[in-house]
Structure formats: structure tokens, C-alpha cells
Amino acid sequence: MSKETITRGTSNVFADFGLPESTECQTKTKLAHAINELLKSRKLKQREAVVLLGMPRPKVSSIERLVEMLTALDRDVE
């Protein structure tokens, strides 16, 4: 049997994989997750979510856009 080495990761999987802008990627992921959880908890249909978020089609393109979506869902972002 061969022994495998296990390396404990950090709290940022994007940094663990050596991706550039890993902090921004992690922030976008956290914001997108919060948005998805809010939409899911409100049981909104896609059409309702699009109207509420004020965009033709939900796109995750920047931290600012994700913050705008959370604000539209009545959440404060720090």
C-alpha cells in the first residue's frame, strides 16, 4: 500500500490552487452563495428573481454587482 500525503488547506480554496485574485474569487463565491440562499428561502421563481434584482438575466460578474443584488434582497453587506 502506498501512503498518500494530505496537506491541510487554508480557508481560501482559490489560493490553495494558486489562482490569481484568489481573495476576489472567494468574496464573489460568498456573495453568490448568500444570494442563492436568499432566493431559495423566498421560494422565488426565476422570473420573480429577475424582476426583483433588476437585471435581464442574473449574471455574476463583479463584487459590486453581487452587493447590488444583496441590497435588492434587503441585506446589508459589510
Protein backbone atom coordinates (compact mmCIF):
# COMPACT_ATOMS: atom_id res chain seq x y z
CA MET A 1 0.00 0.00 0.00
CA SER A 2 1.27 3.44 -0.83
CA LYS A 3 0.99 6.26 1.62
CA GLU A 4 -0.61 9.47 0.45
CA THR A 5 0.37 12.83 1.78
CA ILE A 6 -2.51 15.03 2.86
CA THR A 7 -1.94 18.76 3.04
CA ARG A 8 -4.29 20.90 5.07
CA GLY A 9 -5.67 23.75 3.01
CA THR A 10 -6.25 27.33 4.02
CA SER A 11 -9.63 28.99 4.37
CA ASN A 12 -9.40 30.05 0.70
CA VAL A 13 -9.54 27.16 -1.76
CA PHE A 14 -8.78 29.54 -4.64
CA ALA A 15 -5.47 30.50 -3.01
CA ASP A 16 -4.76 26.83 -2.34
CA PHE A 17 -4.97 26.21 -6.09
CA GLY A 18 -2.70 29.18 -6.75
CA LEU A 19 -5.28 31.21 -8.64
CA PRO A 20 -4.57 34.89 -9.16
CA GLU A 21 -7.07 37.21 -7.47
CA SER A 22 -7.98 34.42 -5.07
CA THR A 23 -9.40 36.81 -2.47
CA GLU A 24 -11.77 38.33 -5.05
CA CYS A 25 -12.84 34.86 -6.19
CA GLN A 26 -13.60 33.86 -2.60
CA THR A 27 -15.58 37.07 -2.00
CA LYS A 28 -17.63 36.53 -5.16
CA THR A 29 -18.36 32.96 -4.11
CA LYS A 30 -19.54 34.02 -0.66
CA LEU A 31 -21.77 36.76 -2.10
CA ALA A 32 -23.23 34.46 -4.75
CA HIS A 33 -23.95 31.83 -2.10
CA ALA A 34 -25.75 34.39 0.06
CA ILE A 35 -27.85 35.49 -2.91
CA ASN A 36 -28.73 31.92 -3.85
CA GLU A 37 -29.74 31.09 -0.27
CA LEU A 38 -31.96 34.18 -0.04
CA LEU A 39 -33.67 33.45 -3.35
CA LYS A 40 -34.16 29.83 -2.33
CA SER A 41 -35.59 30.75 1.08
CA ARG A 42 -38.04 33.17 -0.55
CA LYS A 43 -39.09 30.45 -2.99
CA LEU A 44 -38.86 32.89 -5.88
CA LYS A 45 -39.32 31.75 -9.43
CA GLN A 46 -36.59 32.81 -11.84
CA ARG A 47 -38.87 35.41 -13.41
CA GLU A 48 -39.60 36.93 -9.98
CA ALA A 49 -35.92 36.98 -9.06
CA VAL A 50 -35.01 38.74 -12.32
CA VAL A 51 -37.58 41.47 -11.64
CA LEU A 52 -36.54 41.86 -8.00
CA LEU A 53 -32.84 42.03 -8.83
CA GLY A 54 -33.42 44.43 -11.72
CA MET A 55 -31.42 42.67 -14.39
CA PRO A 56 -32.33 40.97 -17.63
CA ARG A 57 -30.55 37.81 -16.60
CA PRO A 58 -28.73 37.10 -13.35
CA LYS A 59 -25.03 37.35 -14.06
CA VAL A 60 -22.22 37.14 -11.57
CA SER A 61 -19.59 39.44 -12.97
CA SER A 62 -18.29 41.63 -10.19
CA ILE A 63 -18.33 42.08 -6.46
CA GLU A 64 -20.20 45.35 -6.92
CA ARG A 65 -22.98 43.62 -8.87
CA LEU A 66 -23.28 40.91 -6.20
CA VAL A 67 -23.52 43.57 -3.49
CA GLU A 68 -26.25 45.31 -5.51
CA MET A 69 -28.19 42.04 -5.67
CA LEU A 70 -27.93 41.50 -1.91
CA THR A 71 -29.08 45.08 -1.35
CA ALA A 72 -32.08 44.44 -3.62
CA LEU A 73 -32.83 41.46 -1.36
CA ASP A 74 -32.87 43.78 1.69
CA ARG A 75 -29.49 42.72 3.05
CA ASP A 76 -26.65 44.91 4.27
CA VAL A 77 -23.15 43.95 3.18
CA GLU A 78 -20.08 44.82 5.21
